[in-house]
């Protein structure tokens, strides 16, 4: 998944906002109460990907704790 997103970022128009939205977790994230109701495997993205400076906004909807 990381290689795919990196390819998209390589081809993104730099003058337009670039947003990453995924129902995924960040590697090393601390889970809240949602962990007890999760089913199946979790998509985990590396922190380096979501901190890529080419991304203007990242929205991940899997961990129910605020992160800054």
PDB file of N, CA and C in Angstrom:
ATOM      1  N   UNK A   1       0.832  -1.188   0.000  1.00  0.00           N
ATOM      2  CA  UNK A   1       0.000   0.000   0.000  1.00  0.00           C
ATOM      3  C   UNK A   1       0.878   1.255   0.000  1.00  0.00           C
ATOM      4  N   UNK A   2       1.966   1.205   0.738  1.00  0.00           N
ATOM      5  CA  UNK A   2       2.853   2.370   0.815  1.00  0.00           C
ATOM      6  C   UNK A   2       3.400   2.734  -0.562  1.00  0.00           C
ATOM      7  N   UNK A   3       3.829   1.739  -1.325  1.00  0.00           N
ATOM      8  CA  UNK A   3       4.364   2.007  -2.656  1.00  0.00           C
ATOM      9  C   UNK A   3       3.306   2.639  -3.560  1.00  0.00           C
ATOM     10  N   UNK A   4       2.075   2.169  -3.447  1.00  0.00           N
ATOM     11  CA  UNK A   4       0.986   2.715  -4.256  1.00  0.00           C
ATOM     12  C   UNK A   4       0.737   4.182  -3.915  1.00  0.00           C
ATOM     13  N   UNK A   5       0.654   4.494  -2.633  1.00  0.00           N
ATOM     14  CA  UNK A   5       0.409   5.882  -2.216  1.00  0.00           C
ATOM     15  C   UNK A   5       1.587   6.765  -2.621  1.00  0.00           C
ATOM     16  N   UNK A   6       2.804   6.258  -2.480  1.00  0.00           N
ATOM     17  CA  UNK A   6       3.981   7.035  -2.887  1.00  0.00           C
ATOM     18  C   UNK A   6       3.926   7.353  -4.390  1.00  0.00           C
ATOM     19  N   UNK A   7       3.485   6.386  -5.188  1.00  0.00           N
ATOM     20  CA  UNK A   7       3.350   6.614  -6.630  1.00  0.00           C
ATOM     21  C   UNK A   7       2.316   7.700  -6.907  1.00  0.00           C
ATOM     22  N   UNK A   8       1.193   7.643  -6.202  1.00  0.00           N
ATOM     23  CA  UNK A   8       0.173   8.686  -6.372  1.00  0.00           C
ATOM     24  C   UNK A   8       0.741  10.055  -6.005  1.00  0.00           C
ATOM     25  N   UNK A   9       1.487  10.117  -4.906  1.00  0.00           N
ATOM     26  CA  UNK A   9       2.069  11.392  -4.482  1.00  0.00           C
ATOM     27  C   UNK A   9       3.081  11.905  -5.499  1.00  0.00           C
ATOM     28  N   UNK A  10       3.828  10.996  -6.098  1.00  0.00           N
ATOM     29  CA  UNK A  10       4.800  11.391  -7.121  1.00  0.00           C
ATOM     30  C   UNK A  10       4.123  12.035  -8.330  1.00  0.00           C
ATOM     31  N   UNK A  11       2.869  11.651  -8.582  1.00  0.00           N
ATOM     32  CA  UNK A  11       2.151  12.164  -9.747  1.00  0.00           C
ATOM     33  C   UNK A  11       1.099  13.232  -9.392  1.00  0.00           C
ATOM     34  N   UNK A  12       1.009  13.590  -8.135  1.00  0.00           N
ATOM     35  CA  UNK A  12       0.008  14.570  -7.699  1.00  0.00           C
ATOM     36  C   UNK A  12       0.359  15.961  -8.208  1.00  0.00           C
ATOM     37  N   UNK A  13      -0.666  16.742  -8.496  1.00  0.00           N
ATOM     38  CA  UNK A  13      -0.493  18.125  -8.936  1.00  0.00           C
ATOM     39  C   UNK A  13      -0.096  18.967  -7.718  1.00  0.00           C
ATOM     40  N   UNK A  14       1.107  19.535  -7.710  1.00  0.00           N
ATOM     41  CA  UNK A  14       1.583  20.248  -6.518  1.00  0.00           C
ATOM     42  C   UNK A  14       0.796  21.512  -6.178  1.00  0.00           C
ATOM     43  N   UNK A  15       0.045  22.054  -7.132  1.00  0.00           N
ATOM     44  CA  UNK A  15      -0.733  23.267  -6.873  1.00  0.00           C
ATOM     45  C   UNK A  15      -2.106  22.977  -6.266  1.00  0.00           C
ATOM     46  N   UNK A  16      -2.474  21.700  -6.161  1.00  0.00           N
ATOM     47  CA  UNK A  16      -3.761  21.313  -5.590  1.00  0.00           C
ATOM     48  C   UNK A  16      -3.563  20.665  -4.227  1.00  0.00           C
ATOM     49  N   UNK A  17      -4.527  20.822  -3.315  1.00  0.00           N
ATOM     50  CA  UNK A  17      -4.420  20.152  -2.010  1.00  0.00           C
ATOM     51  C   UNK A  17      -4.396  18.632  -2.190  1.00  0.00           C
ATOM     52  N   UNK A  18      -3.560  17.972  -1.426  1.00  0.00           N
ATOM     53  CA  UNK A  18      -3.448  16.513  -1.487  1.00  0.00           C
ATOM     54  C   UNK A  18      -3.896  15.946  -0.153  1.00  0.00           C
ATOM     55  N   UNK A  19      -4.921  15.078  -0.208  1.00  0.00           N
ATOM     56  CA  UNK A  19      -5.543  14.524   0.991  1.00  0.00           C
ATOM     57  C   UNK A  19      -5.420  13.011   0.973  1.00  0.00           C
ATOM     58  N   UNK A  20      -5.048  12.434   2.113  1.00  0.00           N
ATOM     59  CA  UNK A  20      -5.043  10.987   2.283  1.00  0.00           C
ATOM     60  C   UNK A  20      -6.134  10.639   3.283  1.00  0.00           C
ATOM     61  N   UNK A  21      -7.110   9.874   2.848  1.00  0.00           N
ATOM     62  CA  UNK A  21      -8.184   9.410   3.732  1.00  0.00           C
ATOM     63  C   UNK A  21      -8.204   7.884   3.664  1.00  0.00           C
ATOM     64  N   UNK A  22      -8.153   7.228   4.809  1.00  0.00           N
ATOM     65  CA  UNK A  22      -8.124   5.764   4.828  1.00  0.00           C
ATOM     66  C   UNK A  22      -8.699   5.263   6.146  1.00  0.00           C
ATOM     67  N   UNK A  23      -9.297   4.105   6.097  1.00  0.00           N
ATOM     68  CA  UNK A  23      -9.743   3.442   7.319  1.00  0.00           C
ATOM     69  C   UNK A  23      -8.604   2.523   7.731  1.00  0.00           C
ATOM     70  N   UNK A  24      -7.580   3.133   8.321  1.00  0.00           N
ATOM     71  CA  UNK A  24      -6.332   2.441   8.623  1.00  0.00           C
ATOM     72  C   UNK A  24      -5.765   2.966   9.935  1.00  0.00           C
ATOM     73  N   UNK A  25      -4.717   2.296  10.387  1.00  0.00           N
ATOM     74  CA  UNK A  25      -3.995   2.693  11.591  1.00  0.00           C
ATOM     75  C   UNK A  25      -2.592   3.118  11.209  1.00  0.00           C
ATOM     76  N   UNK A  26      -1.936   3.822  12.124  1.00  0.00           N
ATOM     77  CA  UNK A  26      -0.535   4.180  11.950  1.00  0.00           C
ATOM     78  C   UNK A  26       0.295   3.216  12.781  1.00  0.00           C
ATOM     79  N   UNK A  27       1.369   2.754  12.209  1.00  0.00           N
ATOM     80  CA  UNK A  27       2.257   1.835  12.893  1.00  0.00           C
ATOM     81  C   UNK A  27       2.672   2.422  14.241  1.00  0.00           C
ATOM     82  N   UNK A  28       2.460   1.655  15.306  1.00  0.00           N
ATOM     83  CA  UNK A  28       2.824   2.090  16.647  1.00  0.00           C
ATOM     84  C   UNK A  28       1.737   2.851  17.380  1.00  0.00           C
ATOM     85  N   UNK A  29       0.560   3.008  16.778  1.00  0.00           N
ATOM     86  CA  UNK A  29      -0.532   3.751  17.420  1.00  0.00           C
ATOM     87  C   UNK A  29      -1.021   3.023  18.670  1.00  0.00           C
ATOM     88  N   UNK A  30      -1.483   3.791  19.629  1.00  0.00           N
ATOM     89  CA  UNK A  30      -2.071   3.234  20.851  1.00  0.00           C
ATOM     90  C   UNK A  30      -3.572   3.184  20.653  1.00  0.00           C
ATOM     91  N   UNK A  31      -4.134   2.001  20.781  1.00  0.00           N
ATOM     92  CA  UNK A  31      -5.562   1.799  20.537  1.00  0.00           C
ATOM     93  C   UNK A  31      -6.393   2.205  21.746  1.00  0.00           C
ATOM     94  N   UNK A  32      -7.626   2.619  21.471  1.00  0.00           N
ATOM     95  CA  UNK A  32      -8.604   2.894  22.499  1.00  0.00           C
ATOM     96  C   UNK A  32      -9.539   1.702  22.625  1.00  0.00           C
ATOM     97  N   UNK A  33     -10.755   1.939  23.049  1.00  0.00           N
ATOM     98  CA  UNK A  33     -11.725   0.871  23.269  1.00  0.00           C
ATOM     99  C   UNK A  33     -12.158   0.181  21.987  1.00  0.00           C
ATOM    100  N   UNK A  34     -11.923   0.798  20.816  1.00  0.00           N
ATOM    101  CA  UNK A  34     -12.345   0.198  19.549  1.00  0.00           C
ATOM    102  C   UNK A  34     -11.623  -1.115  19.275  1.00  0.00           C
ATOM    103  N   UNK A  35     -10.492  -1.349  19.888  1.00  0.00           N
ATOM    104  CA  UNK A  35      -9.710  -2.566  19.637  1.00  0.00           C
ATOM    105  C   UNK A  35     -10.510  -3.821  19.990  1.00  0.00           C
ATOM    106  N   UNK A  36     -11.395  -3.741  20.960  1.00  0.00           N
ATOM    107  CA  UNK A  36     -12.163  -4.913  21.383  1.00  0.00           C
ATOM    108  C   UNK A  36     -13.242  -5.299  20.385  1.00  0.00           C
ATOM    109  N   UNK A  37     -13.606  -4.412  19.469  1.00  0.00           N
ATOM    110  CA  UNK A  37     -14.662  -4.721  18.504  1.00  0.00           C
ATOM    111  C   UNK A  37     -14.144  -4.862  17.073  1.00  0.00           C
ATOM    112  N   UNK A  38     -12.838  -4.792  16.883  1.00  0.00           N
ATOM    113  CA  UNK A  38     -12.269  -4.908  15.540  1.00  0.00           C
ATOM    114  C   UNK A  38     -12.324  -6.351  15.062  1.00  0.00           C
ATOM    115  N   UNK A  39     -12.656  -6.520  13.794  1.00  0.00           N
ATOM    116  CA  UNK A  39     -12.703  -7.840  13.180  1.00  0.00           C
ATOM    117  C   UNK A  39     -11.688  -7.910  12.049  1.00  0.00           C
ATOM    118  N   UNK A  40     -10.957  -8.997  11.965  1.00  0.00           N
ATOM    119  CA  UNK A  40     -10.037  -9.195  10.849  1.00  0.00           C
ATOM    120  C   UNK A  40      -8.747  -8.425  10.988  1.00  0.00           C
ATOM    121  N   UNK A  41      -7.998  -8.412   9.896  1.00  0.00           N
ATOM    122  CA  UNK A  41      -6.697  -7.754   9.869  1.00  0.00           C
ATOM    123  C   UNK A  41      -6.859  -6.247   9.701  1.00  0.00           C
ATOM    124  N   UNK A  42      -5.943  -5.521  10.255  1.00  0.00           N
ATOM    125  CA  UNK A  42      -5.961  -4.069  10.227  1.00  0.00           C
ATOM    126  C   UNK A  42      -4.963  -3.571   9.188  1.00  0.00           C
ATOM    127  N   UNK A  43      -5.352  -2.594   8.387  1.00  0.00           N
ATOM    128  CA  UNK A  43      -4.419  -1.950   7.466  1.00  0.00           C
ATOM    129  C   UNK A  43      -3.574  -0.988   8.289  1.00  0.00           C
ATOM    130  N   UNK A  44      -2.264  -1.187   8.285  1.00  0.00           N
ATOM    131  CA  UNK A  44      -1.354  -0.363   9.081  1.00  0.00           C
ATOM    132  C   UNK A  44      -0.420   0.382   8.144  1.00  0.00           C
ATOM    133  N   UNK A  45      -0.403   1.702   8.277  1.00  0.00           N
ATOM    134  CA  UNK A  45       0.451   2.552   7.452  1.00  0.00           C
ATOM    135  C   UNK A  45       1.630   3.047   8.279  1.00  0.00           C
ATOM    136  N   UNK A  46       2.804   3.162   7.670  1.00  0.00           N
ATOM    137  CA  UNK A  46       3.956   3.691   8.412  1.00  0.00           C
ATOM    138  C   UNK A  46       3.796   5.187   8.677  1.00  0.00           C
ATOM    139  N   UNK A  47       4.291   5.618   9.814  1.00  0.00           N
ATOM    140  CA  UNK A  47       4.219   7.032  10.169  1.00  0.00           C
ATOM    141  C   UNK A  47       4.887   7.926   9.149  1.00  0.00           C
ATOM    142  N   UNK A  48       5.953   7.438   8.540  1.00  0.00           N
ATOM    143  CA  UNK A  48       6.660   8.244   7.539  1.00  0.00           C
ATOM    144  C   UNK A  48       5.763   8.576   6.349  1.00  0.00           C
ATOM    145  N   UNK A  49       4.834   7.693   6.025  1.00  0.00           N
ATOM    146  CA  UNK A  49       3.921   7.943   4.911  1.00  0.00           C
ATOM    147  C   UNK A  49       2.941   9.056   5.250  1.00  0.00           C
ATOM    148  N   UNK A  50       2.327   8.994   6.414  1.00  0.00           N
ATOM    149  CA  UNK A  50       1.316  10.005   6.764  1.00  0.00           C
ATOM    150  C   UNK A  50       1.940  11.353   7.122  1.00  0.00           C
ATOM    151  N   UNK A  51       3.249  11.375   7.369  1.00  0.00           N
ATOM    152  CA  UNK A  51       3.951  12.640   7.625  1.00  0.00           C
ATOM    153  C   UNK A  51       4.601  13.219   6.365  1.00  0.00           C
ATOM    154  N   UNK A  52       4.365  12.604   5.217  1.00  0.00           N
ATOM    155  CA  UNK A  52       4.956  13.078   3.960  1.00  0.00           C
ATOM    156  C   UNK A  52       4.559  14.542   3.745  1.00  0.00           C
ATOM    157  N   UNK A  53       5.511  15.426   3.545  1.00  0.00           N
ATOM    158  CA  UNK A  53       5.198  16.857   3.406  1.00  0.00           C
ATOM    159  C   UNK A  53       4.344  17.191   2.192  1.00  0.00           C
ATOM    160  N   UNK A  54       4.213  16.269   1.248  1.00  0.00           N
ATOM    161  CA  UNK A  54       3.358  16.517   0.082  1.00  0.00           C
ATOM    162  C   UNK A  54       1.881  16.363   0.422  1.00  0.00           C
ATOM    163  N   UNK A  55       1.582  15.791   1.587  1.00  0.00           N
ATOM    164  CA  UNK A  55       0.188  15.641   2.025  1.00  0.00           C
ATOM    165  C   UNK A  55      -0.231  16.883   2.794  1.00  0.00           C
ATOM    166  N   UNK A  56      -1.356  17.453   2.391  1.00  0.00           N
ATOM    167  CA  UNK A  56      -1.875  18.633   3.079  1.00  0.00           C
ATOM    168  C   UNK A  56      -2.788  18.260   4.240  1.00  0.00           C
ATOM    169  N   UNK A  57      -3.408  17.089   4.156  1.00  0.00           N
ATOM    170  CA  UNK A  57      -4.336  16.661   5.209  1.00  0.00           C
ATOM    171  C   UNK A  57      -4.402  15.137   5.202  1.00  0.00           C
ATOM    172  N   UNK A  58      -4.408  14.542   6.394  1.00  0.00           N
ATOM    173  CA  UNK A  58      -4.528  13.089   6.532  1.00  0.00           C
ATOM    174  C   UNK A  58      -5.678  12.803   7.488  1.00  0.00           C
ATOM    175  N   UNK A  59      -6.610  11.946   7.055  1.00  0.00           N
ATOM    176  CA  UNK A  59      -7.743  11.542   7.884  1.00  0.00           C
ATOM    177  C   UNK A  59      -7.769  10.014   7.939  1.00  0.00           C
ATOM    178  N   UNK A  60      -7.518   9.480   9.124  1.00  0.00           N
ATOM    179  CA  UNK A  60      -7.545   8.038   9.319  1.00  0.00           C
ATOM    180  C   UNK A  60      -8.666   7.733  10.299  1.00  0.00           C
ATOM    181  N   UNK A  61      -9.572   6.864   9.926  1.00  0.00           N
ATOM    182  CA  UNK A  61     -10.760   6.646  10.740  1.00  0.00           C
ATOM    183  C   UNK A  61     -10.769   5.357  11.523  1.00  0.00           C
ATOM    184  N   UNK A  62      -9.611   4.863  11.939  1.00  0.00           N
ATOM    185  CA  UNK A  62      -9.610   3.569  12.617  1.00  0.00           C
ATOM    186  C   UNK A  62      -9.288   3.649  14.088  1.00  0.00           C
ATOM    187  N   UNK A  63      -8.485   4.596  14.486  1.00  0.00           N
ATOM    188  CA  UNK A  63      -8.133   4.773  15.896  1.00  0.00           C
ATOM    189  C   UNK A  63      -9.003   5.900  16.443  1.00  0.00           C
ATOM    190  N   UNK A  64      -9.692   5.629  17.520  1.00  0.00           N
ATOM    191  CA  UNK A  64     -10.651   6.590  18.057  1.00  0.00           C
ATOM    192  C   UNK A  64     -10.066   7.441  19.173  1.00  0.00           C
ATOM    193  N   UNK A  65      -8.794   7.780  19.047  1.00  0.00           N
ATOM    194  CA  UNK A  65      -8.128   8.687  19.980  1.00  0.00           C
ATOM    195  C   UNK A  65      -7.501   9.794  19.144  1.00  0.00           C
ATOM    196  N   UNK A  66      -7.622  11.013  19.610  1.00  0.00           N
ATOM    197  CA  UNK A  66      -7.038  12.150  18.885  1.00  0.00           C
ATOM    198  C   UNK A  66      -5.530  12.047  18.888  1.00  0.00           C
ATOM    199  N   UNK A  67      -4.920  12.387  17.767  1.00  0.00           N
ATOM    200  CA  UNK A  67      -3.462  12.396  17.629  1.00  0.00           C
ATOM    201  C   UNK A  67      -3.049  13.752  17.076  1.00  0.00           C
ATOM    202  N   UNK A  68      -1.935  14.247  17.560  1.00  0.00           N
ATOM    203  CA  UNK A  68      -1.411  15.517  17.040  1.00  0.00           C
ATOM    204  C   UNK A  68      -0.016  15.273  16.516  1.00  0.00           C
TER     205      UNK A  68
END
